[in-house]
Amino acid sequence: MRVQSLTLAVASAALLAPTAPPAAHPQPAVRRESAVSAADLLAGVSQCTPVSRGRYRRDNGAPANIPVCGTRDVVFWKADMDIDCDGRPGPRCNVRTDPYFAASTAYPQSDGRPLSAERLPFIVVPAPSRRWDYRDHGIGGGSVVAVVYRDRVQYAVVGDAGPQGIIGEASYATAKGLGIRADPHGGGAPSGVTYIVFKNTRVSPIEDHAAAVTEGERAAKRFATGSRTDAPPAGG
């Protein structure tokens, strides 16, 4: 914490003008406008128009009951969160910490190396299939995502692809940002996670998380405003 000290100039001014009221405490800098809230985003995805031809499972052996839904501007699904630690190895994501670790991701970063699940918030989309092909909806590596859990929003990118029949997975860093236990062996969230992918968005380089946040907030504001505009009037 920084403590602001009085300067000589301020002290001198106080001596020269003893009758002046004491200077007010310095005010904090004006904070940047808050991002769109979790509630605003969830309001825009409260109803599902399925765009997948079938439904997905949370895990192997679980019921296939999760559709991919769509609007004009986004696709979304509501599922659990499994922890993806694949990609560039680090102290938290490696063959010792993750029994299913793979040192690759479907989309590499700009230098050709795999993404770092420890450092980069990204999600995993199901590999293309007849059930659903994300590429048909203006989505690919680097597409911007808002991941919502409880009252938190984490902006991320599409960074990896998983099994064709399972949905609901995101990187270690995504889970950490949402306050979800990020341990790849037993962590994650069993339900309550909403993944909102903004169509026709792309961050380049894919590993630039600051750019993903900027673009995500911009897209989220457009989406939330459009959702409110399209909503029927109260009582109508």
Protein backbone atom coordinates (compact mmCIF):
# COMPACT_ATOMS: atom_id res chain seq x y z
CA MET A 1 0.00 0.00 0.00
CA ARG A 2 1.37 3.39 -0.89
CA VAL A 3 1.12 6.23 1.68
CA GLN A 4 1.16 9.70 0.12
CA SER A 5 3.38 12.15 2.05
CA LEU A 6 2.98 15.92 2.21
CA THR A 7 5.23 17.83 -0.12
CA LEU A 8 7.23 20.89 0.82
CA ALA A 9 5.05 23.01 -1.43
CA VAL A 10 1.89 21.97 0.35
CA ALA A 11 3.46 22.63 3.75
CA SER A 12 4.59 26.10 2.68
CA ALA A 13 1.14 26.92 1.34
CA ALA A 14 -0.38 25.94 4.66
CA LEU A 15 1.96 28.32 6.52
CA LEU A 16 1.16 31.22 4.21
CA ALA A 17 -2.59 30.73 4.45
CA PRO A 18 -3.36 29.50 7.97
CA THR A 19 -7.05 30.47 7.74
CA ALA A 20 -7.70 28.27 4.70
CA PRO A 21 -9.62 25.06 5.39
CA PRO A 22 -7.48 21.95 5.56
CA ALA A 23 -6.95 20.23 2.26
CA ALA A 24 -9.23 17.28 1.64
CA HIS A 25 -7.74 13.83 1.48
CA PRO A 26 -6.77 12.95 -2.09
CA GLN A 27 -9.58 11.13 -3.88
CA PRO A 28 -8.92 7.80 -5.53
CA ALA A 29 -8.67 7.79 -9.29
CA VAL A 30 -11.96 7.34 -11.08
CA ARG A 31 -12.43 3.64 -11.70
CA ARG A 32 -13.00 2.32 -15.18
CA GLU A 33 -16.59 1.53 -15.97
CA SER A 34 -17.54 -1.89 -14.68
CA ALA A 35 -17.89 -4.77 -17.08
CA VAL A 36 -21.31 -6.20 -17.85
CA SER A 37 -22.55 -8.09 -14.81
CA ALA A 38 -23.06 -11.82 -14.60
CA ALA A 39 -26.79 -11.19 -14.14
CA ASP A 40 -26.99 -9.13 -17.33
CA LEU A 41 -25.25 -11.82 -19.34
CA LEU A 42 -27.36 -14.60 -17.89
CA ALA A 43 -30.52 -12.66 -18.66
CA GLY A 44 -29.55 -12.75 -22.33
CA VAL A 45 -29.21 -16.55 -22.33
CA SER A 46 -32.22 -17.42 -20.21
CA GLN A 47 -33.95 -19.21 -23.07
CA CYS A 48 -32.42 -21.84 -25.32
CA THR A 49 -32.92 -22.20 -29.04
CA PRO A 50 -30.87 -25.34 -29.80
CA VAL A 51 -28.34 -25.13 -32.62
CA SER A 52 -26.86 -28.59 -32.01
CA ARG A 53 -28.54 -31.61 -33.59
CA GLY A 54 -28.15 -33.57 -30.39
CA ARG A 55 -27.13 -33.13 -26.79
CA TYR A 56 -23.87 -33.52 -24.92
CA ARG A 57 -22.74 -35.27 -21.76
CA ARG A 58 -20.96 -33.61 -18.85
CA ASP A 59 -18.73 -36.65 -18.43
CA ASN A 60 -18.45 -40.19 -19.71
CA GLY A 61 -21.46 -42.14 -18.50
CA ALA A 62 -23.53 -39.05 -17.66
CA PRO A 63 -26.88 -38.39 -19.40
CA ALA A 64 -26.70 -36.61 -22.74
CA ASN A 65 -28.87 -33.64 -21.76
CA ILE A 66 -26.91 -30.48 -22.61
CA PRO A 67 -27.80 -28.67 -25.84
CA VAL A 68 -25.73 -25.99 -27.51
CA CYS A 69 -28.01 -22.98 -27.82
CA GLY A 70 -27.76 -19.96 -30.07
CA THR A 71 -28.88 -16.41 -30.73
CA ARG A 72 -27.98 -14.04 -33.51
CA ASP A 73 -24.79 -13.01 -31.71
CA VAL A 74 -23.69 -15.91 -29.49
CA VAL A 75 -23.75 -19.62 -28.90
CA PHE A 76 -23.91 -20.88 -25.33
CA TRP A 77 -24.27 -23.89 -23.11
CA LYS A 78 -24.80 -24.48 -19.41
CA ALA A 79 -22.77 -27.28 -17.92
CA ASP A 80 -20.17 -28.23 -15.37
CA MET A 81 -16.49 -27.29 -15.48
CA ASP A 82 -13.77 -29.88 -15.79
CA ILE A 83 -10.22 -28.57 -15.52
CA ASP A 84 -8.11 -28.61 -18.68
CA CYS A 85 -4.41 -28.62 -17.81
CA ASP A 86 -3.21 -29.58 -21.28
CA GLY A 87 -0.67 -27.54 -23.20
CA ARG A 88 2.67 -26.14 -22.18
CA PRO A 89 3.79 -27.86 -18.94
CA GLY A 90 4.26 -25.81 -15.78
CA PRO A 91 4.43 -26.34 -12.02
CA ARG A 92 0.65 -26.85 -11.75
CA CYS A 93 -0.10 -28.55 -15.07
CA ASN A 94 2.12 -31.50 -15.93
CA VAL A 95 2.18 -35.29 -16.04
CA ARG A 96 2.56 -35.47 -12.25
CA THR A 97 -0.39 -33.23 -11.37
CA ASP A 98 -2.75 -34.37 -14.15
CA PRO A 99 -3.10 -38.08 -14.97
CA TYR A 100 -4.59 -37.17 -18.37
CA PHE A 101 -2.09 -34.45 -19.24
CA ALA A 102 -1.36 -33.85 -22.94
CA ALA A 103 1.40 -31.42 -23.94
CA SER A 104 -0.61 -29.89 -26.78
CA THR A 105 -3.67 -27.76 -27.48
CA ALA A 106 -5.84 -27.63 -30.57
CA TYR A 107 -4.79 -24.03 -31.15
CA PRO A 108 -1.19 -22.95 -30.52
CA GLN A 109 -0.02 -19.54 -29.49
CA SER A 110 1.68 -17.16 -31.92
CA ASP A 111 5.16 -18.69 -31.55
CA GLY A 112 3.85 -22.17 -32.37
CA ARG A 113 4.03 -23.50 -28.82
CA PRO A 114 0.95 -24.93 -27.08
CA LEU A 115 -1.12 -22.63 -24.93
CA SER A 116 -0.44 -22.47 -21.19
CA ALA A 117 -3.51 -23.63 -19.28
CA GLU A 118 -1.96 -22.28 -16.09
CA ARG A 119 -1.66 -18.75 -17.41
CA LEU A 120 -4.27 -18.29 -20.14
CA PRO A 121 -8.03 -18.41 -19.59
CA PHE A 122 -9.44 -20.52 -22.40
CA ILE A 123 -12.25 -23.00 -22.90
CA VAL A 124 -12.53 -26.35 -24.62
CA VAL A 125 -15.13 -26.86 -27.34
CA PRO A 126 -16.32 -30.29 -28.51
CA ALA A 127 -14.52 -31.49 -31.62
CA PRO A 128 -16.60 -30.95 -34.77
CA SER A 129 -19.15 -33.65 -35.49
CA ARG A 130 -22.54 -34.16 -37.08
CA ARG A 131 -24.01 -33.21 -33.72
CA TRP A 132 -22.50 -29.72 -33.89
CA ASP A 133 -19.62 -27.97 -35.64
CA TYR A 134 -18.59 -24.74 -33.94
CA ARG A 135 -16.88 -23.56 -37.14
CA ASP A 136 -20.29 -23.18 -38.79
CA HIS A 137 -21.13 -20.39 -36.33
CA GLY A 138 -18.22 -18.01 -36.85
CA ILE A 139 -16.21 -19.62 -34.04
CA GLY A 140 -12.62 -20.80 -34.04
CA GLY A 141 -9.37 -20.55 -32.13
CA GLY A 142 -9.17 -17.17 -30.42
CA SER A 143 -12.94 -16.56 -30.40
CA VAL A 144 -13.91 -14.58 -27.32
CA VAL A 145 -15.90 -16.18 -24.52
CA ALA A 146 -17.61 -14.96 -21.35
CA VAL A 147 -17.63 -17.73 -18.74
CA VAL A 148 -20.12 -17.06 -15.95
CA TYR A 149 -20.19 -18.74 -12.56
CA ARG A 150 -22.35 -17.39 -9.75
CA ASP A 151 -21.72 -13.63 -9.77
CA ARG A 152 -18.38 -13.77 -11.58
CA VAL A 153 -17.49 -13.30 -15.24
CA GLN A 154 -14.19 -14.50 -16.69
CA TYR A 155 -13.32 -13.53 -20.25
CA ALA A 156 -11.45 -16.22 -22.14
CA VAL A 157 -10.83 -17.54 -25.64
CA VAL A 158 -11.55 -20.77 -27.47
CA GLY A 159 -8.22 -22.58 -27.12
CA ASP A 160 -8.69 -26.33 -27.23
CA ALA A 161 -11.02 -29.04 -28.53
CA GLY A 162 -12.16 -32.12 -26.68
CA PRO A 163 -14.21 -35.28 -27.24
CA GLN A 164 -17.11 -35.06 -29.69
CA GLY A 165 -19.73 -36.04 -27.15
CA ILE A 166 -18.67 -34.16 -23.99
CA ILE A 167 -18.98 -30.48 -23.10
CA GLY A 168 -18.02 -28.30 -20.14
CA GLU A 169 -14.26 -27.82 -19.76
CA ALA A 170 -11.94 -24.85 -19.32
CA SER A 171 -8.33 -24.12 -18.48
CA TYR A 172 -6.78 -24.00 -15.03
CA ALA A 173 -6.54 -20.20 -15.33
CA THR A 174 -10.23 -19.87 -16.19
CA ALA A 175 -11.22 -21.78 -13.07
CA LYS A 176 -8.90 -19.71 -10.89
CA GLY A 177 -10.43 -16.50 -12.25
CA LEU A 178 -13.91 -17.72 -11.28
CA GLY A 179 -12.98 -18.90 -7.81
CA ILE A 180 -13.41 -22.54 -8.80
CA ARG A 181 -10.99 -25.11 -7.39
CA ALA A 182 -8.51 -25.52 -10.22
CA ASP A 183 -6.89 -28.83 -9.28
CA PRO A 184 -6.93 -30.94 -12.49
CA HIS A 185 -7.34 -34.05 -10.34
CA GLY A 186 -10.65 -33.55 -8.53
CA GLY A 187 -11.23 -29.82 -9.01
CA GLY A 188 -13.81 -28.03 -11.12
CA ALA A 189 -17.51 -27.34 -10.61
CA PRO A 190 -20.27 -29.96 -10.91
CA SER A 191 -22.79 -27.55 -12.45
CA GLY A 192 -23.81 -23.92 -12.76
CA VAL A 193 -21.26 -22.74 -15.34
CA THR A 194 -22.45 -20.85 -18.43
CA TYR A 195 -20.21 -20.57 -21.48
CA ILE A 196 -21.12 -17.73 -23.86
CA VAL A 197 -19.11 -17.61 -27.10
CA PHE A 198 -19.36 -14.42 -29.14
CA LYS A 199 -19.67 -15.14 -32.85
CA ASN A 200 -17.24 -13.60 -35.33
CA THR A 201 -14.77 -12.41 -32.69
CA ARG A 202 -11.11 -13.28 -32.60
CA VAL A 203 -8.12 -12.31 -30.47
CA SER A 204 -4.74 -12.25 -32.17
CA PRO A 205 -2.34 -13.28 -30.85
CA ILE A 206 -4.50 -15.83 -29.07
CA GLU A 207 -2.39 -15.62 -25.90
CA ASP A 208 -3.09 -11.88 -25.42
CA HIS A 209 -5.49 -12.10 -22.48
CA ALA A 210 -5.73 -8.33 -22.07
CA ALA A 211 -7.05 -8.12 -25.64
CA ALA A 212 -9.57 -10.88 -24.86
CA VAL A 213 -10.85 -8.90 -21.88
CA THR A 214 -11.15 -5.71 -23.92
CA GLU A 215 -12.95 -7.42 -26.78
CA GLY A 216 -15.03 -9.50 -24.37
CA GLU A 217 -16.31 -6.47 -22.50
CA ARG A 218 -17.11 -4.75 -25.79
CA ALA A 219 -18.98 -7.77 -27.13
CA ALA A 220 -20.76 -8.35 -23.82
CA LYS A 221 -22.06 -4.79 -23.74
CA ARG A 222 -23.38 -5.11 -27.28
CA PHE A 223 -25.00 -8.43 -26.43
CA ALA A 224 -26.56 -7.25 -23.16
CA THR A 225 -27.90 -4.09 -24.80
CA GLY A 226 -29.32 -6.07 -27.71
CA SER A 227 -30.92 -8.58 -25.37
CA ARG A 228 -32.68 -5.80 -23.47
CA THR A 229 -33.82 -4.20 -26.73
CA ASP A 230 -35.20 -7.49 -28.04
CA ALA A 231 -37.00 -8.33 -24.80
CA PRO A 232 -40.79 -7.91 -24.79
CA PRO A 233 -42.10 -4.95 -22.75
CA ALA A 234 -43.13 -5.67 -19.19
CA GLY A 235 -46.70 -6.85 -19.03
CA GLY A 236 -46.81 -7.34 -22.77
